[in-house]
């Protein structure tokens, strides 16, 4: 949005290019009891 003081002048829509990092995770699930599970996640990728 572009304005002059309080007066709107023009609006233009743009497309922002953002790098897409495919998440790489390993999911481990272990039954710690009959009624409980322990879930472990490991980030295998290069990005947080």
ModelCIF file with pLDDT and N, C-alpha, C, O atoms, coordinates in Angstrom:
data_MODEL
#
_entry.id   MODEL 
#
_entity.id                         1 
_entity.type                       polymer 
_entity.pdbx_number_of_molecules   1 
#
_entity_poly.entity_id                      1 
_entity_poly.type                           'polypeptide(L)' 
_entity_poly.nstd_linkage                   no 
_entity_poly.nstd_monomer                   no 
_entity_poly.pdbx_seq_one_letter_code       
;(UNK)(UNK)(UNK)(UNK)(UNK)(UNK)(UNK)(UNK)(UNK)(UNK)(UNK)(UNK)(UNK)(UNK)(UNK)(UNK)
(UNK)(UNK)(UNK)(UNK)(UNK)(UNK)(UNK)(UNK)(UNK)(UNK)(UNK)(UNK)(UNK)(UNK)(UNK)(UNK)
(UNK)(UNK)(UNK)(UNK)(UNK)(UNK)(UNK)(UNK)(UNK)(UNK)(UNK)(UNK)(UNK)(UNK)(UNK)(UNK)
;
_entity_poly.pdbx_seq_one_letter_code_can   XXXXXXXXXXXXXXXXXXXXXXXXXXXXXXXXXXXXXXXXXXXXXXXX 
_entity_poly.pdbx_strand_id                 A 
#
loop_
_entity_poly_seq.entity_id 
_entity_poly_seq.num 
_entity_poly_seq.mon_id 
_entity_poly_seq.hetero 
1 1  UNK n 
1 2  UNK n 
1 3  UNK n 
1 4  UNK n 
1 5  UNK n 
1 6  UNK n 
1 7  UNK n 
1 8  UNK n 
1 9  UNK n 
1 10 UNK n 
1 11 UNK n 
1 12 UNK n 
1 13 UNK n 
1 14 UNK n 
1 15 UNK n 
1 16 UNK n 
1 17 UNK n 
1 18 UNK n 
1 19 UNK n 
1 20 UNK n 
1 21 UNK n 
1 22 UNK n 
1 23 UNK n 
1 24 UNK n 
1 25 UNK n 
1 26 UNK n 
1 27 UNK n 
1 28 UNK n 
1 29 UNK n 
1 30 UNK n 
1 31 UNK n 
1 32 UNK n 
1 33 UNK n 
1 34 UNK n 
1 35 UNK n 
1 36 UNK n 
1 37 UNK n 
1 38 UNK n 
1 39 UNK n 
1 40 UNK n 
1 41 UNK n 
1 42 UNK n 
1 43 UNK n 
1 44 UNK n 
1 45 UNK n 
1 46 UNK n 
1 47 UNK n 
1 48 UNK n 
#
_struct_asym.id          A 
_struct_asym.entity_id   1 
#
loop_
_ma_qa_metric.id 
_ma_qa_metric.mode 
_ma_qa_metric.name 
_ma_qa_metric.software_group_id 
_ma_qa_metric.type 
1 global pLDDT . pLDDT 
2 local  pLDDT . pLDDT 
#
_ma_qa_metric_global.metric_id      1 
_ma_qa_metric_global.metric_value   89.00 
_ma_qa_metric_global.model_id       1 
_ma_qa_metric_global.ordinal_id     1 
#
loop_
_ma_qa_metric_local.label_asym_id 
_ma_qa_metric_local.label_comp_id 
_ma_qa_metric_local.label_seq_id 
_ma_qa_metric_local.metric_id 
_ma_qa_metric_local.metric_value 
_ma_qa_metric_local.model_id 
_ma_qa_metric_local.ordinal_id 
A UNK 1  2 94.00 1 1  
A UNK 2  2 94.00 1 2  
A UNK 3  2 95.00 1 3  
A UNK 4  2 95.00 1 4  
A UNK 5  2 93.00 1 5  
A UNK 6  2 93.00 1 6  
A UNK 7  2 94.00 1 7  
A UNK 8  2 94.00 1 8  
A UNK 9  2 93.00 1 9  
A UNK 10 2 92.00 1 10 
A UNK 11 2 94.00 1 11 
A UNK 12 2 91.00 1 12 
A UNK 13 2 86.00 1 13 
A UNK 14 2 84.00 1 14 
A UNK 15 2 81.00 1 15 
A UNK 16 2 81.00 1 16 
A UNK 17 2 79.00 1 17 
A UNK 18 2 77.00 1 18 
A UNK 19 2 74.00 1 19 
A UNK 20 2 69.00 1 20 
A UNK 21 2 72.00 1 21 
A UNK 22 2 74.00 1 22 
A UNK 23 2 82.00 1 23 
A UNK 24 2 88.00 1 24 
A UNK 25 2 92.00 1 25 
A UNK 26 2 95.00 1 26 
A UNK 27 2 96.00 1 27 
A UNK 28 2 96.00 1 28 
A UNK 29 2 96.00 1 29 
A UNK 30 2 95.00 1 30 
A UNK 31 2 90.00 1 31 
A UNK 32 2 86.00 1 32 
A UNK 33 2 87.00 1 33 
A UNK 34 2 86.00 1 34 
A UNK 35 2 90.00 1 35 
A UNK 36 2 92.00 1 36 
A UNK 37 2 94.00 1 37 
A UNK 38 2 95.00 1 38 
A UNK 39 2 96.00 1 39 
A UNK 40 2 96.00 1 40 
A UNK 41 2 96.00 1 41 
A UNK 42 2 96.00 1 42 
A UNK 43 2 94.00 1 43 
A UNK 44 2 92.00 1 44 
A UNK 45 2 87.00 1 45 
A UNK 46 2 85.00 1 46 
A UNK 47 2 85.00 1 47 
A UNK 48 2 86.00 1 48 
#
loop_
_atom_site.group_PDB 
_atom_site.id 
_atom_site.type_symbol 
_atom_site.label_atom_id 
_atom_site.label_alt_id 
_atom_site.label_comp_id 
_atom_site.label_asym_id 
_atom_site.label_entity_id 
_atom_site.label_seq_id 
_atom_site.pdbx_PDB_ins_code 
_atom_site.Cartn_x 
_atom_site.Cartn_y 
_atom_site.Cartn_z 
_atom_site.occupancy 
_atom_site.B_iso_or_equiv 
_atom_site.pdbx_formal_charge 
_atom_site.auth_seq_id 
_atom_site.auth_comp_id 
_atom_site.auth_asym_id 
_atom_site.auth_atom_id 
_atom_site.pdbx_PDB_model_num 
ATOM 1   N N  . UNK A 1 1  ? 0.850  -1.183  0.000  1.00 94.00 ? 1  UNK A N  1 
ATOM 2   C CA . UNK A 1 1  ? 0.000  0.000   0.000  1.00 94.00 ? 1  UNK A CA 1 
ATOM 3   C C  . UNK A 1 1  ? 0.892  1.241   0.000  1.00 94.00 ? 1  UNK A C  1 
ATOM 4   O O  . UNK A 1 1  ? 1.815  1.340   0.808  1.00 94.00 ? 1  UNK A O  1 
ATOM 5   N N  . UNK A 1 2  ? 0.625  2.171   -0.885 1.00 94.00 ? 2  UNK A N  1 
ATOM 6   C CA . UNK A 1 2  ? 1.368  3.434   -0.953 1.00 94.00 ? 2  UNK A CA 1 
ATOM 7   C C  . UNK A 1 2  ? 0.397  4.569   -0.669 1.00 94.00 ? 2  UNK A C  1 
ATOM 8   O O  . UNK A 1 2  ? -0.721 4.584   -1.185 1.00 94.00 ? 2  UNK A O  1 
ATOM 9   N N  . UNK A 1 3  ? 0.828  5.522   0.157  1.00 95.00 ? 3  UNK A N  1 
ATOM 10  C CA . UNK A 1 3  ? -0.041 6.629   0.544  1.00 95.00 ? 3  UNK A CA 1 
ATOM 11  C C  . UNK A 1 3  ? 0.755  7.922   0.596  1.00 95.00 ? 3  UNK A C  1 
ATOM 12  O O  . UNK A 1 3  ? 1.985  7.921   0.640  1.00 95.00 ? 3  UNK A O  1 
ATOM 13  N N  . UNK A 1 4  ? 0.024  9.017   0.591  1.00 95.00 ? 4  UNK A N  1 
ATOM 14  C CA . UNK A 1 4  ? 0.592  10.348  0.792  1.00 95.00 ? 4  UNK A CA 1 
ATOM 15  C C  . UNK A 1 4  ? -0.059 10.919  2.030  1.00 95.00 ? 4  UNK A C  1 
ATOM 16  O O  . UNK A 1 4  ? -1.217 11.335  1.989  1.00 95.00 ? 4  UNK A O  1 
ATOM 17  N N  . UNK A 1 5  ? 0.679  10.944  3.143  1.00 93.00 ? 5  UNK A N  1 
ATOM 18  C CA . UNK A 1 5  ? 0.069  11.328  4.402  1.00 93.00 ? 5  UNK A CA 1 
ATOM 19  C C  . UNK A 1 5  ? -1.041 10.370  4.758  1.00 93.00 ? 5  UNK A C  1 
ATOM 20  O O  . UNK A 1 5  ? -0.814 9.165   4.863  1.00 93.00 ? 5  UNK A O  1 
ATOM 21  N N  . UNK A 1 6  ? -2.265 10.902  4.948  1.00 93.00 ? 6  UNK A N  1 
ATOM 22  C CA . UNK A 1 6  ? -3.410 10.054  5.278  1.00 93.00 ? 6  UNK A CA 1 
ATOM 23  C C  . UNK A 1 6  ? -4.196 9.651   4.032  1.00 93.00 ? 6  UNK A C  1 
ATOM 24  O O  . UNK A 1 6  ? -5.243 9.015   4.152  1.00 93.00 ? 6  UNK A O  1 
ATOM 25  N N  . UNK A 1 7  ? -3.715 10.007  2.838  1.00 94.00 ? 7  UNK A N  1 
ATOM 26  C CA . UNK A 1 7  ? -4.478 9.747   1.611  1.00 94.00 ? 7  UNK A CA 1 
ATOM 27  C C  . UNK A 1 7  ? -3.921 8.530   0.879  1.00 94.00 ? 7  UNK A C  1 
ATOM 28  O O  . UNK A 1 7  ? -2.776 8.565   0.429  1.00 94.00 ? 7  UNK A O  1 
ATOM 29  N N  . UNK A 1 8  ? -4.705 7.447   0.747  1.00 94.00 ? 8  UNK A N  1 
ATOM 30  C CA . UNK A 1 8  ? -4.231 6.280   -0.016 1.00 94.00 ? 8  UNK A CA 1 
ATOM 31  C C  . UNK A 1 8  ? -4.029 6.644   -1.482 1.00 94.00 ? 8  UNK A C  1 
ATOM 32  O O  . UNK A 1 8  ? -4.804 7.406   -2.060 1.00 94.00 ? 8  UNK A O  1 
ATOM 33  N N  . UNK A 1 9  ? -2.975 6.084   -2.071 1.00 93.00 ? 9  UNK A N  1 
ATOM 34  C CA . UNK A 1 9  ? -2.676 6.347   -3.476 1.00 93.00 ? 9  UNK A CA 1 
ATOM 35  C C  . UNK A 1 9  ? -2.877 5.110   -4.344 1.00 93.00 ? 9  UNK A C  1 
ATOM 36  O O  . UNK A 1 9  ? -3.577 5.159   -5.355 1.00 93.00 ? 9  UNK A O  1 
ATOM 37  N N  . UNK A 1 10 ? -2.263 4.008   -3.945 1.00 92.00 ? 10 UNK A N  1 
ATOM 38  C CA . UNK A 1 10 ? -2.320 2.813   -4.799 1.00 92.00 ? 10 UNK A CA 1 
ATOM 39  C C  . UNK A 1 10 ? -1.968 1.582   -3.975 1.00 92.00 ? 10 UNK A C  1 
ATOM 40  O O  . UNK A 1 10 ? -1.220 1.664   -3.001 1.00 92.00 ? 10 UNK A O  1 
ATOM 41  N N  . UNK A 1 11 ? -2.520 0.437   -4.380 1.00 94.00 ? 11 UNK A N  1 
ATOM 42  C CA . UNK A 1 11 ? -2.179 -0.853  -3.773 1.00 94.00 ? 11 UNK A CA 1 
ATOM 43  C C  . UNK A 1 11 ? -1.827 -1.827  -4.883 1.00 94.00 ? 11 UNK A C  1 
ATOM 44  O O  . UNK A 1 11 ? -2.462 -1.834  -5.938 1.00 94.00 ? 11 UNK A O  1 
ATOM 45  N N  . UNK A 1 12 ? -0.830 -2.638  -4.648 1.00 91.00 ? 12 UNK A N  1 
ATOM 46  C CA . UNK A 1 12 ? -0.416 -3.623  -5.653 1.00 91.00 ? 12 UNK A CA 1 
ATOM 47  C C  . UNK A 1 12 ? -0.066 -4.928  -4.954 1.00 91.00 ? 12 UNK A C  1 
ATOM 48  O O  . UNK A 1 12 ? 0.636  -4.936  -3.944 1.00 91.00 ? 12 UNK A O  1 
ATOM 49  N N  . UNK A 1 13 ? -0.563 -6.027  -5.504 1.00 86.00 ? 13 UNK A N  1 
ATOM 50  C CA . UNK A 1 13 ? -0.303 -7.338  -4.924 1.00 86.00 ? 13 UNK A CA 1 
ATOM 51  C C  . UNK A 1 13 ? 0.927  -7.953  -5.572 1.00 86.00 ? 13 UNK A C  1 
ATOM 52  O O  . UNK A 1 13 ? 1.069  -7.946  -6.795 1.00 86.00 ? 13 UNK A O  1 
ATOM 53  N N  . UNK A 1 14 ? 1.819  -8.487  -4.733 1.00 84.00 ? 14 UNK A N  1 
ATOM 54  C CA . UNK A 1 14 ? 3.036  -9.137  -5.195 1.00 84.00 ? 14 UNK A CA 1 
ATOM 55  C C  . UNK A 1 14 ? 3.083  -10.553 -4.656 1.00 84.00 ? 14 UNK A C  1 
ATOM 56  O O  . UNK A 1 14 ? 2.390  -10.887 -3.694 1.00 84.00 ? 14 UNK A O  1 
ATOM 57  N N  . UNK A 1 15 ? 3.911  -11.389 -5.285 1.00 81.00 ? 15 UNK A N  1 
ATOM 58  C CA . UNK A 1 15 ? 4.136  -12.734 -4.771 1.00 81.00 ? 15 UNK A CA 1 
ATOM 59  C C  . UNK A 1 15 ? 5.548  -12.807 -4.212 1.00 81.00 ? 15 UNK A C  1 
ATOM 60  O O  . UNK A 1 15 ? 6.522  -12.547 -4.918 1.00 81.00 ? 15 UNK A O  1 
ATOM 61  N N  . UNK A 1 16 ? 5.647  -13.161 -2.953 1.00 81.00 ? 16 UNK A N  1 
ATOM 62  C CA . UNK A 1 16 ? 6.929  -13.240 -2.262 1.00 81.00 ? 16 UNK A CA 1 
ATOM 63  C C  . UNK A 1 16 ? 7.473  -14.663 -2.391 1.00 81.00 ? 16 UNK A C  1 
ATOM 64  O O  . UNK A 1 16 ? 6.810  -15.619 -1.990 1.00 81.00 ? 16 UNK A O  1 
ATOM 65  N N  . UNK A 1 17 ? 8.665  -14.805 -2.945 1.00 79.00 ? 17 UNK A N  1 
ATOM 66  C CA . UNK A 1 17 ? 9.291  -16.113 -3.098 1.00 79.00 ? 17 UNK A CA 1 
ATOM 67  C C  . UNK A 1 17 ? 10.060 -16.458 -1.821 1.00 79.00 ? 17 UNK A C  1 
ATOM 68  O O  . UNK A 1 17 ? 10.970 -15.733 -1.418 1.00 79.00 ? 17 UNK A O  1 
ATOM 69  N N  . UNK A 1 18 ? 9.687  -17.561 -1.196 1.00 77.00 ? 18 UNK A N  1 
ATOM 70  C CA . UNK A 1 18 ? 10.330 -18.002 0.044  1.00 77.00 ? 18 UNK A CA 1 
ATOM 71  C C  . UNK A 1 18 ? 10.874 -19.413 -0.170 1.00 77.00 ? 18 UNK A C  1 
ATOM 72  O O  . UNK A 1 18 ? 10.168 -20.278 -0.689 1.00 77.00 ? 18 UNK A O  1 
ATOM 73  N N  . UNK A 1 19 ? 12.111 -19.646 0.221  1.00 74.00 ? 19 UNK A N  1 
ATOM 74  C CA . UNK A 1 19 ? 12.715 -20.966 0.039  1.00 74.00 ? 19 UNK A CA 1 
ATOM 75  C C  . UNK A 1 19 ? 11.958 -22.015 0.854  1.00 74.00 ? 19 UNK A C  1 
ATOM 76  O O  . UNK A 1 19 ? 11.708 -21.827 2.045  1.00 74.00 ? 19 UNK A O  1 
ATOM 77  N N  . UNK A 1 20 ? 11.599 -23.116 0.203  1.00 69.00 ? 20 UNK A N  1 
ATOM 78  C CA . UNK A 1 20 ? 10.831 -24.181 0.842  1.00 69.00 ? 20 UNK A CA 1 
ATOM 79  C C  . UNK A 1 20 ? 11.779 -25.285 1.285  1.00 69.00 ? 20 UNK A C  1 
ATOM 80  O O  . UNK A 1 20 ? 12.408 -25.934 0.449  1.00 69.00 ? 20 UNK A O  1 
ATOM 81  N N  . UNK A 1 21 ? 11.886 -25.505 2.590  1.00 72.00 ? 21 UNK A N  1 
ATOM 82  C CA . UNK A 1 21 ? 12.736 -26.561 3.141  1.00 72.00 ? 21 UNK A CA 1 
ATOM 83  C C  . UNK A 1 21 ? 11.852 -27.729 3.573  1.00 72.00 ? 21 UNK A C  1 
ATOM 84  O O  . UNK A 1 21 ? 11.053 -27.602 4.501  1.00 72.00 ? 21 UNK A O  1 
ATOM 85  N N  . UNK A 1 22 ? 12.000 -28.852 2.901  1.00 74.00 ? 22 UNK A N  1 
ATOM 86  C CA . UNK A 1 22 ? 11.201 -30.025 3.258  1.00 74.00 ? 22 UNK A CA 1 
ATOM 87  C C  . UNK A 1 22 ? 11.664 -30.540 4.626  1.00 74.00 ? 22 UNK A C  1 
ATOM 88  O O  . UNK A 1 22 ? 12.847 -30.834 4.794  1.00 74.00 ? 22 UNK A O  1 
ATOM 89  N N  . UNK A 1 23 ? 10.763 -30.656 5.599  1.00 82.00 ? 23 UNK A N  1 
ATOM 90  C CA . UNK A 1 23 ? 11.183 -31.136 6.915  1.00 82.00 ? 23 UNK A CA 1 
ATOM 91  C C  . UNK A 1 23 ? 11.585 -32.600 6.873  1.00 82.00 ? 23 UNK A C  1 
ATOM 92  O O  . UNK A 1 23 ? 10.930 -33.420 6.229  1.00 82.00 ? 23 UNK A O  1 
ATOM 93  N N  . UNK A 1 24 ? 12.656 -32.912 7.557  1.00 88.00 ? 24 UNK A N  1 
ATOM 94  C CA . UNK A 1 24 ? 13.130 -34.297 7.645  1.00 88.00 ? 24 UNK A CA 1 
ATOM 95  C C  . UNK A 1 24 ? 13.186 -34.687 9.117  1.00 88.00 ? 24 UNK A C  1 
ATOM 96  O O  . UNK A 1 24 ? 14.067 -34.234 9.847  1.00 88.00 ? 24 UNK A O  1 
ATOM 97  N N  . UNK A 1 25 ? 12.259 -35.516 9.550  1.00 92.00 ? 25 UNK A N  1 
ATOM 98  C CA . UNK A 1 25 ? 12.225 -35.924 10.948 1.00 92.00 ? 25 UNK A CA 1 
ATOM 99  C C  . UNK A 1 25 ? 12.074 -37.437 11.034 1.00 92.00 ? 25 UNK A C  1 
ATOM 100 O O  . UNK A 1 25 ? 11.478 -38.076 10.167 1.00 92.00 ? 25 UNK A O  1 
ATOM 101 N N  . UNK A 1 26 ? 12.631 -37.985 12.104 1.00 95.00 ? 26 UNK A N  1 
ATOM 102 C CA . UNK A 1 26 ? 12.413 -39.393 12.432 1.00 95.00 ? 26 UNK A CA 1 
ATOM 103 C C  . UNK A 1 26 ? 11.539 -39.431 13.673 1.00 95.00 ? 26 UNK A C  1 
ATOM 104 O O  . UNK A 1 26 ? 11.812 -38.743 14.656 1.00 95.00 ? 26 UNK A O  1 
ATOM 105 N N  . UNK A 1 27 ? 10.488 -40.237 13.624 1.00 96.00 ? 27 UNK A N  1 
ATOM 106 C CA . UNK A 1 27 ? 9.555  -40.339 14.737 1.00 96.00 ? 27 UNK A CA 1 
ATOM 107 C C  . UNK A 1 27 ? 9.668  -41.737 15.341 1.00 96.00 ? 27 UNK A C  1 
ATOM 108 O O  . UNK A 1 27 ? 9.458  -42.739 14.659 1.00 96.00 ? 27 UNK A O  1 
ATOM 109 N N  . UNK A 1 28 ? 10.000 -41.788 16.623 1.00 96.00 ? 28 UNK A N  1 
ATOM 110 C CA . UNK A 1 28 ? 10.079 -43.061 17.344 1.00 96.00 ? 28 UNK A CA 1 
ATOM 111 C C  . UNK A 1 28 ? 8.962  -43.099 18.384 1.00 96.00 ? 28 UNK A C  1 
ATOM 112 O O  . UNK A 1 28 ? 8.761  -42.137 19.127 1.00 96.00 ? 28 UNK A O  1 
ATOM 113 N N  . UNK A 1 29 ? 8.247  -44.205 18.430 1.00 96.00 ? 29 UNK A N  1 
ATOM 114 C CA . UNK A 1 29 ? 7.164  -44.360 19.397 1.00 96.00 ? 29 UNK A CA 1 
ATOM 115 C C  . UNK A 1 29 ? 7.405  -45.656 20.173 1.00 96.00 ? 29 UNK A C  1 
ATOM 116 O O  . UNK A 1 29 ? 7.611  -46.719 19.588 1.00 96.00 ? 29 UNK A O  1 
ATOM 117 N N  . UNK A 1 30 ? 7.375  -45.544 21.487 1.00 95.00 ? 30 UNK A N  1 
ATOM 118 C CA . UNK A 1 30 ? 7.580  -46.712 22.348 1.00 95.00 ? 30 UNK A CA 1 
ATOM 119 C C  . UNK A 1 30 ? 6.508  -46.733 23.424 1.00 95.00 ? 30 UNK A C  1 
ATOM 120 O O  . UNK A 1 30 ? 6.220  -45.714 24.052 1.00 95.00 ? 30 UNK A O  1 
ATOM 121 N N  . UNK A 1 31 ? 5.923  -47.900 23.629 1.00 90.00 ? 31 UNK A N  1 
ATOM 122 C CA . UNK A 1 31 ? 4.958  -48.048 24.722 1.00 90.00 ? 31 UNK A CA 1 
ATOM 123 C C  . UNK A 1 31 ? 5.727  -48.166 26.034 1.00 90.00 ? 31 UNK A C  1 
ATOM 124 O O  . UNK A 1 31 ? 6.346  -49.194 26.309 1.00 90.00 ? 31 UNK A O  1 
ATOM 125 N N  . UNK A 1 32 ? 5.685  -47.114 26.834 1.00 86.00 ? 32 UNK A N  1 
ATOM 126 C CA . UNK A 1 32 ? 6.347  -47.168 28.138 1.00 86.00 ? 32 UNK A CA 1 
ATOM 127 C C  . UNK A 1 32 ? 5.489  -47.893 29.170 1.00 86.00 ? 32 UNK A C  1 
ATOM 128 O O  . UNK A 1 32 ? 5.993  -48.343 30.199 1.00 86.00 ? 32 UNK A O  1 
ATOM 129 N N  . UNK A 1 33 ? 4.194  -48.004 28.891 1.00 87.00 ? 33 UNK A N  1 
ATOM 130 C CA . UNK A 1 33 ? 3.245  -48.766 29.716 1.00 87.00 ? 33 UNK A CA 1 
ATOM 131 C C  . UNK A 1 33 ? 2.046  -49.061 28.831 1.00 87.00 ? 33 UNK A C  1 
ATOM 132 O O  . UNK A 1 33 ? 1.970  -48.596 27.694 1.00 87.00 ? 33 UNK A O  1 
ATOM 133 N N  . UNK A 1 34 ? 1.110  -49.839 29.365 1.00 86.00 ? 34 UNK A N  1 
ATOM 134 C CA . UNK A 1 34 ? -0.081 -50.177 28.587 1.00 86.00 ? 34 UNK A CA 1 
ATOM 135 C C  . UNK A 1 34 ? -0.843 -48.915 28.208 1.00 86.00 ? 34 UNK A C  1 
ATOM 136 O O  . UNK A 1 34 ? -1.420 -48.827 27.124 1.00 86.00 ? 34 UNK A O  1 
ATOM 137 N N  . UNK A 1 35 ? -0.840 -47.930 29.120 1.00 90.00 ? 35 UNK A N  1 
ATOM 138 C CA . UNK A 1 35 ? -1.637 -46.725 28.898 1.00 90.00 ? 35 UNK A CA 1 
ATOM 139 C C  . UNK A 1 35 ? -0.774 -45.479 28.661 1.00 90.00 ? 35 UNK A C  1 
ATOM 140 O O  . UNK A 1 35 ? -1.240 -44.359 28.874 1.00 90.00 ? 35 UNK A O  1 
ATOM 141 N N  . UNK A 1 36 ? 0.490  -45.663 28.220 1.00 92.00 ? 36 UNK A N  1 
ATOM 142 C CA . UNK A 1 36 ? 1.350  -44.506 27.963 1.00 92.00 ? 36 UNK A CA 1 
ATOM 143 C C  . UNK A 1 36 ? 2.276  -44.806 26.782 1.00 92.00 ? 36 UNK A C  1 
ATOM 144 O O  . UNK A 1 36 ? 2.671  -45.950 26.557 1.00 92.00 ? 36 UNK A O  1 
ATOM 145 N N  . UNK A 1 37 ? 2.613  -43.742 26.030 1.00 94.00 ? 37 UNK A N  1 
ATOM 146 C CA . UNK A 1 37 ? 3.598  -43.871 24.968 1.00 94.00 ? 37 UNK A CA 1 
ATOM 147 C C  . UNK A 1 37 ? 4.638  -42.761 25.112 1.00 94.00 ? 37 UNK A C  1 
ATOM 148 O O  . UNK A 1 37 ? 4.338  -41.652 25.554 1.00 94.00 ? 37 UNK A O  1 
ATOM 149 N N  . UNK A 1 38 ? 5.870  -43.099 24.724 1.00 95.00 ? 38 UNK A N  1 
ATOM 150 C CA . UNK A 1 38 ? 6.943  -42.110 24.679 1.00 95.00 ? 38 UNK A CA 1 
ATOM 151 C C  . UNK A 1 38 ? 7.248  -41.823 23.211 1.00 95.00 ? 38 UNK A C  1 
ATOM 152 O O  . UNK A 1 38 ? 7.559  -42.734 22.444 1.00 95.00 ? 38 UNK A O  1 
ATOM 153 N N  . UNK A 1 39 ? 7.157  -40.555 22.830 1.00 96.00 ? 39 UNK A N  1 
ATOM 154 C CA . UNK A 1 39 ? 7.377  -40.138 21.444 1.00 96.00 ? 39 UNK A CA 1 
ATOM 155 C C  . UNK A 1 39 ? 8.686  -39.357 21.377 1.00 96.00 ? 39 UNK A C  1 
ATOM 156 O O  . UNK A 1 39 ? 8.868  -38.370 22.090 1.00 96.00 ? 39 UNK A O  1 
ATOM 157 N N  . UNK A 1 40 ? 9.602  -39.814 20.505 1.00 96.00 ? 40 UNK A N  1 
ATOM 158 C CA . UNK A 1 40 ? 10.892 -39.151 20.320 1.00 96.00 ? 40 UNK A CA 1 
ATOM 159 C C  . UNK A 1 40 ? 10.979 -38.635 18.892 1.00 96.00 ? 40 UNK A C  1 
ATOM 160 O O  . UNK A 1 40 ? 10.742 -39.377 17.938 1.00 96.00 ? 40 UNK A O  1 
ATOM 161 N N  . UNK A 1 41 ? 11.318 -37.362 18.752 1.00 96.00 ? 41 UNK A N  1 
ATOM 162 C CA . UNK A 1 41 ? 11.506 -36.762 17.436 1.00 96.00 ? 41 UNK A CA 1 
ATOM 163 C C  . UNK A 1 41 ? 12.969 -36.393 17.260 1.00 96.00 ? 41 UNK A C  1 
ATOM 164 O O  . UNK A 1 41 ? 13.586 -35.825 18.162 1.00 96.00 ? 41 UNK A O  1 
ATOM 165 N N  . UNK A 1 42 ? 13.522 -36.713 16.104 1.00 96.00 ? 42 UNK A N  1 
ATOM 166 C CA . UNK A 1 42 ? 14.876 -36.302 15.751 1.00 96.00 ? 42 UNK A CA 1 
ATOM 167 C C  . UNK A 1 42 ? 14.818 -35.514 14.451 1.00 96.00 ? 42 UNK A C  1 
ATOM 168 O O  . UNK A 1 42 ? 14.235 -35.964 13.465 1.00 96.00 ? 42 UNK A O  1 
ATOM 169 N N  . UNK A 1 43 ? 15.432 -34.325 14.460 1.00 94.00 ? 43 UNK A N  1 
ATOM 170 C CA . UNK A 1 43 ? 15.486 -33.482 13.273 1.00 94.00 ? 43 UNK A CA 1 
ATOM 171 C C  . UNK A 1 43 ? 16.661 -33.921 12.408 1.00 94.00 ? 43 UNK A C  1 
ATOM 172 O O  . UNK A 1 43 ? 17.816 -33.682 12.760 1.00 94.00 ? 43 UNK A O  1 
ATOM 173 N N  . UNK A 1 44 ? 16.371 -34.563 11.277 1.00 92.00 ? 44 UNK A N  1 
ATOM 174 C CA . UNK A 1 44 ? 17.411 -35.068 10.386 1.00 92.00 ? 44 UNK A CA 1 
ATOM 175 C C  . UNK A 1 44 ? 17.836 -34.028 9.349  1.00 92.00 ? 44 UNK A C  1 
ATOM 176 O O  . UNK A 1 44 ? 18.797 -34.250 8.612  1.00 92.00 ? 44 UNK A O  1 
ATOM 177 N N  . UNK A 1 45 ? 17.137 -32.905 9.285  1.00 87.00 ? 45 UNK A N  1 
ATOM 178 C CA . UNK A 1 45 ? 17.397 -31.905 8.258  1.00 87.00 ? 45 UNK A CA 1 
ATOM 179 C C  . UNK A 1 45 ? 18.464 -30.904 8.656  1.00 87.00 ? 45 UNK A C  1 
ATOM 180 O O  . UNK A 1 45 ? 19.026 -30.972 9.749  1.00 87.00 ? 45 UNK A O  1 
ATOM 181 N N  . UNK A 1 46 ? 18.738 -29.967 7.745  1.00 85.00 ? 46 UNK A N  1 
ATOM 182 C CA . UNK A 1 46 ? 19.758 -28.946 7.963  1.00 85.00 ? 46 UNK A CA 1 
ATOM 183 C C  . UNK A 1 46 ? 19.186 -27.667 8.550  1.00 85.00 ? 46 UNK A C  1 
ATOM 184 O O  . UNK A 1 46 ? 19.933 -26.728 8.825  1.00 85.00 ? 46 UNK A O  1 
ATOM 185 N N  . UNK A 1 47 ? 17.863 -27.614 8.750  1.00 85.00 ? 47 UNK A N  1 
ATOM 186 C CA . UNK A 1 47 ? 17.224 -26.399 9.229  1.00 85.00 ? 47 UNK A CA 1 
ATOM 187 C C  . UNK A 1 47 ? 16.377 -26.718 10.456 1.00 85.00 ? 47 UNK A C  1 
ATOM 188 O O  . UNK A 1 47 ? 15.842 -27.817 10.596 1.00 85.00 ? 47 UNK A O  1 
ATOM 189 N N  . UNK A 1 48 ? 16.271 -25.727 11.339 1.00 86.00 ? 48 UNK A N  1 
ATOM 190 C CA . UNK A 1 48 ? 15.522 -25.912 12.566 1.00 86.00 ? 48 UNK A CA 1 
ATOM 191 C C  . UNK A 1 48 ? 14.026 -25.995 12.320 1.00 86.00 ? 48 UNK A C  1 
ATOM 192 O O  . UNK A 1 48 ? 13.253 -26.152 13.264 1.00 86.00 ? 48 UNK A O  1 
#
